[in-house]
Amino acid sequence: MMKKHFYFLGIVFLFVLNGCTKTGSSSEPINEMIGNSGTPVTSAMAFTSANSYTVTGNVRVYQKDGKLILALENFKSSNGPDLRVYLSKEMQPVNFIELGRLKSVQGNQLYDIPGNPDFNTYKFAIIHCQQFNRVFGFASIK
């Protein structure tokens, strides 16, 4: 009886551990560009992968037409079922602003930033699987 219990717990553990590897975001490359009228607000910073997932590319904040825009440039990520883009005060999404669902796991992407957050406080861009609460990657915003 105890052996069956451990077997069941092992299967549940593997399901949760690998849950964010299922397909969720589009894998079709997209190429959204800020254009010549956008002004960089931050430097381009590289993503760091987390939790055995791969995230590459850069993040930069631009100002265009009075709005702030987060740009994922030359971006590529492992896929997952419920990937989101956050601005966060920490490398884990505890105090964050959600910018939306990840549009694609590859390409150049733009996300409107609501309000006027202080980038001395909101220091990180995070790719996060909301369904399983797993960080795929993060980048400092400077």
N, C-alpha and C. Protein backbone atom coordinates (compact mmCIF):
# COMPACT_ATOMS: atom_id res chain seq x y z
N MET A 1 0.83 -1.20 0.00
CA MET A 1 0.00 0.00 0.00
C MET A 1 0.87 1.26 0.00
N MET A 2 1.90 1.29 0.83
CA MET A 2 2.79 2.45 0.93
C MET A 2 3.54 2.66 -0.38
N LYS A 3 3.89 1.58 -1.07
CA LYS A 3 4.61 1.67 -2.33
C LYS A 3 3.75 2.37 -3.39
N LYS A 4 2.46 2.04 -3.43
CA LYS A 4 1.54 2.67 -4.38
C LYS A 4 1.41 4.16 -4.09
N HIS A 5 1.40 4.52 -2.82
CA HIS A 5 1.30 5.93 -2.41
C HIS A 5 2.51 6.72 -2.91
N PHE A 6 3.71 6.18 -2.74
CA PHE A 6 4.92 6.87 -3.21
C PHE A 6 4.94 6.96 -4.74
N TYR A 7 4.46 5.92 -5.40
CA TYR A 7 4.40 5.91 -6.86
C TYR A 7 3.48 7.03 -7.35
N PHE A 8 2.31 7.15 -6.73
CA PHE A 8 1.34 8.19 -7.08
C PHE A 8 1.94 9.58 -6.84
N LEU A 9 2.57 9.80 -5.69
CA LEU A 9 3.19 11.09 -5.40
C LEU A 9 4.29 11.42 -6.39
N GLY A 10 5.04 10.42 -6.81
CA GLY A 10 6.10 10.63 -7.80
C GLY A 10 5.54 11.10 -9.13
N ILE A 11 4.43 10.50 -9.56
CA ILE A 11 3.80 10.90 -10.82
C ILE A 11 3.27 12.33 -10.71
N VAL A 12 2.64 12.67 -9.61
CA VAL A 12 2.13 14.03 -9.41
C VAL A 12 3.28 15.03 -9.42
N PHE A 13 4.38 14.71 -8.75
CA PHE A 13 5.54 15.59 -8.71
C PHE A 13 6.10 15.83 -10.11
N LEU A 14 6.25 14.78 -10.90
CA LEU A 14 6.77 14.93 -12.26
C LEU A 14 5.84 15.77 -13.13
N PHE A 15 4.53 15.61 -12.95
CA PHE A 15 3.57 16.41 -13.71
C PHE A 15 3.73 17.89 -13.40
N VAL A 16 3.82 18.24 -12.12
CA VAL A 16 3.96 19.64 -11.72
C VAL A 16 5.30 20.18 -12.17
N LEU A 17 6.36 19.41 -12.01
CA LEU A 17 7.70 19.86 -12.39
C LEU A 17 7.80 20.16 -13.88
N ASN A 18 7.18 19.33 -14.69
CA ASN A 18 7.28 19.49 -16.14
C ASN A 18 6.08 20.20 -16.75
N GLY A 19 5.16 20.67 -15.94
CA GLY A 19 3.93 21.28 -16.44
C GLY A 19 4.14 22.45 -17.37
N CYS A 20 5.15 23.26 -17.13
CA CYS A 20 5.36 24.45 -17.95
C CYS A 20 6.13 24.16 -19.22
N THR A 21 6.37 22.91 -19.54
CA THR A 21 7.03 22.61 -20.80
C THR A 21 6.03 22.32 -21.90
N LYS A 22 4.75 22.30 -21.59
CA LYS A 22 3.73 22.06 -22.60
C LYS A 22 3.58 23.30 -23.48
N THR A 23 3.18 23.10 -24.69
CA THR A 23 3.02 24.19 -25.63
C THR A 23 1.90 25.12 -25.18
N GLY A 24 2.14 26.42 -25.28
CA GLY A 24 1.13 27.38 -24.89
C GLY A 24 1.19 28.63 -25.74
N SER A 25 2.33 29.31 -25.78
CA SER A 25 2.49 30.51 -26.58
C SER A 25 2.80 30.14 -28.02
N SER A 26 2.52 31.05 -28.92
CA SER A 26 2.80 30.80 -30.33
C SER A 26 4.28 30.57 -30.55
N SER A 27 4.62 29.71 -31.48
CA SER A 27 6.02 29.49 -31.82
C SER A 27 6.36 30.18 -33.15
N GLU A 28 5.37 30.84 -33.74
CA GLU A 28 5.61 31.60 -34.97
C GLU A 28 6.38 32.87 -34.63
N PRO A 29 7.51 33.13 -35.30
CA PRO A 29 8.26 34.35 -35.01
C PRO A 29 7.45 35.59 -35.37
N ILE A 30 7.54 36.61 -34.53
CA ILE A 30 6.91 37.89 -34.84
C ILE A 30 7.98 38.97 -34.88
N ASN A 31 7.68 40.07 -35.53
CA ASN A 31 8.67 41.12 -35.68
C ASN A 31 8.05 42.49 -35.48
N GLU A 32 7.65 42.78 -34.24
CA GLU A 32 7.13 44.10 -33.90
C GLU A 32 8.32 45.02 -33.63
N MET A 33 8.32 46.18 -34.25
CA MET A 33 9.43 47.12 -34.10
C MET A 33 8.93 48.45 -33.58
N ILE A 34 9.75 49.12 -32.79
CA ILE A 34 9.40 50.41 -32.21
C ILE A 34 9.46 51.52 -33.25
N GLY A 35 10.29 51.38 -34.27
CA GLY A 35 10.41 52.40 -35.30
C GLY A 35 11.34 53.53 -34.89
N ASN A 36 11.51 54.48 -35.78
CA ASN A 36 12.44 55.59 -35.55
C ASN A 36 11.91 56.61 -34.56
N SER A 37 10.61 56.62 -34.28
CA SER A 37 10.05 57.65 -33.42
C SER A 37 10.13 57.27 -31.92
N GLY A 38 10.61 56.09 -31.61
CA GLY A 38 10.74 55.68 -30.21
C GLY A 38 12.09 56.10 -29.64
N THR A 39 12.06 56.57 -28.40
CA THR A 39 13.28 57.00 -27.72
C THR A 39 13.63 56.01 -26.62
N PRO A 40 14.86 55.44 -26.63
CA PRO A 40 15.23 54.52 -25.55
C PRO A 40 15.23 55.21 -24.19
N VAL A 41 14.63 54.56 -23.20
CA VAL A 41 14.61 55.06 -21.82
C VAL A 41 15.64 54.30 -20.99
N THR A 42 15.88 53.03 -21.35
CA THR A 42 16.85 52.18 -20.65
C THR A 42 17.81 51.57 -21.65
N SER A 43 18.91 51.03 -21.14
CA SER A 43 19.85 50.28 -21.97
C SER A 43 19.28 48.92 -22.29
N ALA A 44 19.79 48.28 -23.34
CA ALA A 44 19.40 46.90 -23.66
C ALA A 44 20.11 45.97 -22.68
N MET A 45 19.35 45.12 -22.01
CA MET A 45 19.91 44.18 -21.04
C MET A 45 19.52 42.76 -21.45
N ALA A 46 20.45 41.84 -21.28
CA ALA A 46 20.24 40.45 -21.70
C ALA A 46 19.43 39.67 -20.68
N PHE A 47 18.63 38.74 -21.18
CA PHE A 47 17.88 37.83 -20.32
C PHE A 47 18.80 36.78 -19.72
N THR A 48 18.45 36.34 -18.53
CA THR A 48 19.10 35.22 -17.85
C THR A 48 18.05 34.12 -17.71
N SER A 49 18.41 32.91 -18.10
CA SER A 49 17.48 31.78 -17.98
C SER A 49 17.36 31.35 -16.53
N ALA A 50 16.22 30.72 -16.20
CA ALA A 50 15.97 30.26 -14.83
C ALA A 50 15.25 28.92 -14.84
N ASN A 51 15.42 28.16 -13.77
CA ASN A 51 14.66 26.92 -13.53
C ASN A 51 14.70 25.94 -14.70
N SER A 52 15.85 25.76 -15.31
CA SER A 52 16.05 24.78 -16.40
C SER A 52 15.33 25.16 -17.69
N TYR A 53 14.84 26.38 -17.82
CA TYR A 53 14.24 26.85 -19.06
C TYR A 53 15.25 27.75 -19.75
N THR A 54 15.05 28.02 -21.03
CA THR A 54 15.97 28.85 -21.79
C THR A 54 15.25 30.11 -22.26
N VAL A 55 15.81 31.26 -21.92
CA VAL A 55 15.32 32.54 -22.42
C VAL A 55 16.54 33.34 -22.85
N THR A 56 16.54 33.80 -24.11
CA THR A 56 17.63 34.62 -24.62
C THR A 56 17.06 35.87 -25.28
N GLY A 57 17.94 36.82 -25.52
CA GLY A 57 17.54 38.08 -26.14
C GLY A 57 17.74 39.22 -25.16
N ASN A 58 17.26 40.38 -25.55
CA ASN A 58 17.41 41.59 -24.74
C ASN A 58 16.06 42.22 -24.44
N VAL A 59 16.05 43.05 -23.41
CA VAL A 59 14.88 43.83 -23.06
C VAL A 59 15.30 45.30 -22.99
N ARG A 60 14.42 46.18 -23.43
CA ARG A 60 14.68 47.62 -23.38
C ARG A 60 13.34 48.33 -23.25
N VAL A 61 13.34 49.46 -22.57
CA VAL A 61 12.14 50.28 -22.45
C VAL A 61 12.31 51.50 -23.36
N TYR A 62 11.24 51.79 -24.11
CA TYR A 62 11.21 52.95 -25.00
C TYR A 62 10.07 53.85 -24.60
N GLN A 63 10.18 55.11 -25.02
CA GLN A 63 9.05 56.03 -24.92
C GLN A 63 8.66 56.40 -26.34
N LYS A 64 7.36 56.28 -26.63
CA LYS A 64 6.86 56.61 -27.96
C LYS A 64 5.46 57.19 -27.81
N ASP A 65 5.26 58.35 -28.37
CA ASP A 65 3.95 59.02 -28.33
C ASP A 65 3.44 59.17 -26.91
N GLY A 66 4.32 59.48 -25.98
CA GLY A 66 3.94 59.71 -24.59
C GLY A 66 3.70 58.44 -23.78
N LYS A 67 3.91 57.26 -24.38
CA LYS A 67 3.70 55.99 -23.68
C LYS A 67 5.03 55.26 -23.51
N LEU A 68 5.11 54.47 -22.44
CA LEU A 68 6.26 53.59 -22.24
C LEU A 68 5.96 52.23 -22.84
N ILE A 69 6.97 51.66 -23.50
CA ILE A 69 6.82 50.38 -24.16
C ILE A 69 8.01 49.49 -23.81
N LEU A 70 7.72 48.26 -23.39
CA LEU A 70 8.76 47.28 -23.15
C LEU A 70 8.98 46.50 -24.44
N ALA A 71 10.23 46.44 -24.89
CA ALA A 71 10.56 45.72 -26.12
C ALA A 71 11.39 44.48 -25.78
N LEU A 72 10.96 43.34 -26.28
CA LEU A 72 11.76 42.12 -26.25
C LEU A 72 12.43 42.05 -27.61
N GLU A 73 13.76 42.08 -27.64
CA GLU A 73 14.50 42.16 -28.89
C GLU A 73 15.31 40.89 -29.10
N ASN A 74 15.25 40.33 -30.32
CA ASN A 74 15.94 39.07 -30.64
C ASN A 74 15.63 38.01 -29.59
N PHE A 75 14.38 37.94 -29.23
CA PHE A 75 13.91 37.13 -28.11
C PHE A 75 13.65 35.70 -28.52
N LYS A 76 13.97 34.77 -27.61
CA LYS A 76 13.64 33.36 -27.80
C LYS A 76 13.48 32.73 -26.42
N SER A 77 12.44 31.91 -26.26
CA SER A 77 12.15 31.30 -24.96
C SER A 77 11.65 29.87 -25.12
N SER A 78 11.90 29.05 -24.09
CA SER A 78 11.22 27.77 -23.99
C SER A 78 9.72 28.08 -23.95
N ASN A 79 8.91 27.12 -24.37
CA ASN A 79 7.47 27.35 -24.37
C ASN A 79 6.83 26.84 -23.09
N GLY A 80 5.63 27.32 -22.80
CA GLY A 80 4.88 26.91 -21.63
C GLY A 80 3.41 27.23 -21.83
N PRO A 81 2.53 26.71 -20.96
CA PRO A 81 1.09 26.84 -21.17
C PRO A 81 0.50 28.22 -20.85
N ASP A 82 1.16 29.03 -20.05
CA ASP A 82 0.54 30.28 -19.60
C ASP A 82 1.63 31.32 -19.33
N LEU A 83 2.44 31.61 -20.36
CA LEU A 83 3.57 32.52 -20.18
C LEU A 83 3.10 33.97 -20.22
N ARG A 84 3.60 34.75 -19.26
CA ARG A 84 3.26 36.17 -19.12
C ARG A 84 4.54 37.00 -19.08
N VAL A 85 4.39 38.28 -19.38
CA VAL A 85 5.48 39.24 -19.29
C VAL A 85 5.16 40.18 -18.14
N TYR A 86 6.11 40.30 -17.22
CA TYR A 86 5.93 41.15 -16.03
C TYR A 86 7.07 42.15 -15.91
N LEU A 87 6.76 43.30 -15.32
CA LEU A 87 7.76 44.18 -14.71
C LEU A 87 7.68 43.88 -13.23
N SER A 88 8.82 43.68 -12.58
CA SER A 88 8.79 43.26 -11.18
C SER A 88 9.84 43.98 -10.36
N LYS A 89 9.54 44.11 -9.08
CA LYS A 89 10.50 44.69 -8.14
C LYS A 89 11.57 43.69 -7.74
N GLU A 90 11.25 42.39 -7.89
CA GLU A 90 12.17 41.32 -7.53
C GLU A 90 12.32 40.37 -8.72
N MET A 91 13.29 39.43 -8.62
CA MET A 91 13.47 38.43 -9.68
C MET A 91 12.34 37.40 -9.67
N GLN A 92 11.60 37.33 -8.59
CA GLN A 92 10.40 36.50 -8.50
C GLN A 92 9.19 37.43 -8.58
N PRO A 93 8.11 37.03 -9.22
CA PRO A 93 6.97 37.93 -9.34
C PRO A 93 6.16 38.02 -8.04
N VAL A 94 6.59 38.92 -7.16
CA VAL A 94 5.88 39.16 -5.91
C VAL A 94 5.17 40.51 -6.01
N ASN A 95 5.92 41.55 -6.30
CA ASN A 95 5.38 42.89 -6.54
C ASN A 95 5.63 43.21 -8.00
N PHE A 96 4.60 43.10 -8.83
CA PHE A 96 4.81 43.19 -10.26
C PHE A 96 3.66 43.89 -10.97
N ILE A 97 3.93 44.25 -12.21
CA ILE A 97 2.93 44.79 -13.14
C ILE A 97 2.87 43.82 -14.30
N GLU A 98 1.69 43.25 -14.56
CA GLU A 98 1.57 42.33 -15.68
C GLU A 98 1.39 43.13 -16.96
N LEU A 99 2.21 42.81 -17.98
CA LEU A 99 2.13 43.50 -19.26
C LEU A 99 1.33 42.71 -20.29
N GLY A 100 1.06 41.44 -20.00
CA GLY A 100 0.25 40.63 -20.90
C GLY A 100 0.82 39.25 -21.13
N ARG A 101 0.08 38.48 -21.90
CA ARG A 101 0.54 37.14 -22.29
C ARG A 101 1.71 37.29 -23.26
N LEU A 102 2.67 36.36 -23.18
CA LEU A 102 3.76 36.34 -24.14
C LEU A 102 3.16 36.05 -25.51
N LYS A 103 3.44 36.92 -26.48
CA LYS A 103 2.83 36.80 -27.81
C LYS A 103 3.40 35.62 -28.60
N SER A 104 4.69 35.41 -28.46
CA SER A 104 5.37 34.33 -29.18
C SER A 104 6.64 33.97 -28.43
N VAL A 105 7.11 32.77 -28.61
CA VAL A 105 8.36 32.37 -27.95
C VAL A 105 9.59 32.79 -28.76
N GLN A 106 9.36 33.52 -29.86
CA GLN A 106 10.51 34.03 -30.60
C GLN A 106 10.16 35.28 -31.39
N GLY A 107 11.15 36.15 -31.51
CA GLY A 107 10.98 37.36 -32.31
C GLY A 107 11.04 38.62 -31.48
N ASN A 108 10.78 39.73 -32.13
CA ASN A 108 10.75 41.05 -31.51
C ASN A 108 9.31 41.37 -31.12
N GLN A 109 9.12 41.79 -29.86
CA GLN A 109 7.77 41.98 -29.34
C GLN A 109 7.69 43.27 -28.54
N LEU A 110 6.54 43.93 -28.58
CA LEU A 110 6.31 45.18 -27.86
C LEU A 110 5.13 45.02 -26.90
N TYR A 111 5.28 45.57 -25.69
CA TYR A 111 4.24 45.51 -24.66
C TYR A 111 4.08 46.90 -24.05
N ASP A 112 2.85 47.42 -24.05
CA ASP A 112 2.57 48.71 -23.42
C ASP A 112 2.75 48.58 -21.91
N ILE A 113 3.38 49.59 -21.32
CA ILE A 113 3.56 49.64 -19.87
C ILE A 113 2.55 50.63 -19.31
N PRO A 114 1.64 50.16 -18.46
CA PRO A 114 0.64 51.08 -17.91
C PRO A 114 1.27 52.04 -16.89
N GLY A 115 0.76 53.25 -16.86
CA GLY A 115 1.23 54.23 -15.88
C GLY A 115 2.65 54.68 -16.17
N ASN A 116 3.34 55.06 -15.12
CA ASN A 116 4.72 55.54 -15.23
C ASN A 116 5.55 54.93 -14.10
N PRO A 117 5.83 53.61 -14.15
CA PRO A 117 6.54 52.97 -13.04
C PRO A 117 7.97 53.50 -12.91
N ASP A 118 8.47 53.49 -11.70
CA ASP A 118 9.84 53.91 -11.39
C ASP A 118 10.76 52.71 -11.65
N PHE A 119 11.65 52.84 -12.63
CA PHE A 119 12.53 51.72 -12.97
C PHE A 119 13.68 51.55 -11.98
N ASN A 120 13.78 52.43 -11.00
CA ASN A 120 14.67 52.18 -9.86
C ASN A 120 14.02 51.20 -8.89
N THR A 121 12.69 51.07 -8.98
CA THR A 121 11.93 50.14 -8.14
C THR A 121 11.57 48.89 -8.92
N TYR A 122 11.00 49.06 -10.11
CA TYR A 122 10.67 47.93 -10.98
C TYR A 122 11.90 47.62 -11.82
N LYS A 123 12.78 46.78 -11.28
CA LYS A 123 14.11 46.56 -11.83
C LYS A 123 14.22 45.38 -12.78
N PHE A 124 13.15 44.57 -12.93
CA PHE A 124 13.26 43.34 -13.70
C PHE A 124 12.11 43.17 -14.68
N ALA A 125 12.44 42.64 -15.84
CA ALA A 125 11.45 42.11 -16.77
C ALA A 125 11.51 40.59 -16.59
N ILE A 126 10.34 39.96 -16.46
CA ILE A 126 10.29 38.53 -16.16
C ILE A 126 9.37 37.83 -17.17
N ILE A 127 9.81 36.67 -17.62
CA ILE A 127 8.95 35.75 -18.37
C ILE A 127 8.54 34.69 -17.36
N HIS A 128 7.24 34.57 -17.12
CA HIS A 128 6.74 33.76 -16.01
C HIS A 128 5.57 32.88 -16.46
N CYS A 129 5.58 31.63 -16.03
CA CYS A 129 4.45 30.72 -16.27
C CYS A 129 3.50 30.90 -15.10
N GLN A 130 2.40 31.59 -15.34
CA GLN A 130 1.45 31.90 -14.27
C GLN A 130 0.77 30.63 -13.75
N GLN A 131 0.43 29.72 -14.64
CA GLN A 131 -0.30 28.52 -14.24
C GLN A 131 0.46 27.69 -13.21
N PHE A 132 1.79 27.58 -13.38
CA PHE A 132 2.58 26.75 -12.48
C PHE A 132 3.55 27.56 -11.62
N ASN A 133 3.44 28.90 -11.67
CA ASN A 133 4.27 29.80 -10.87
C ASN A 133 5.76 29.49 -11.03
N ARG A 134 6.22 29.51 -12.29
CA ARG A 134 7.62 29.23 -12.59
C ARG A 134 8.20 30.38 -13.41
N VAL A 135 9.34 30.90 -12.98
CA VAL A 135 10.07 31.92 -13.75
C VAL A 135 10.87 31.20 -14.83
N PHE A 136 10.70 31.63 -16.08
CA PHE A 136 11.47 31.07 -17.18
C PHE A 136 12.76 31.85 -17.37
N GLY A 137 12.69 33.18 -17.19
CA GLY A 137 13.86 34.02 -17.37
C GLY A 137 13.57 35.43 -16.90
N PHE A 138 14.66 36.18 -16.68
CA PHE A 138 14.52 37.56 -16.21
C PHE A 138 15.66 38.39 -16.78
N ALA A 139 15.44 39.69 -16.82
CA ALA A 139 16.47 40.63 -17.25
C ALA A 139 16.38 41.86 -16.36
N SER A 140 17.52 42.41 -16.00
CA SER A 140 17.56 43.66 -15.26
C SER A 140 17.18 44.80 -16.19
N ILE A 141 16.52 45.80 -15.63
CA ILE A 141 16.19 47.01 -16.40
C ILE A 141 17.04 48.13 -15.84
N LYS A 142 17.91 48.69 -16.68
CA LYS A 142 18.82 49.76 -16.23
C LYS A 142 18.85 50.88 -17.23
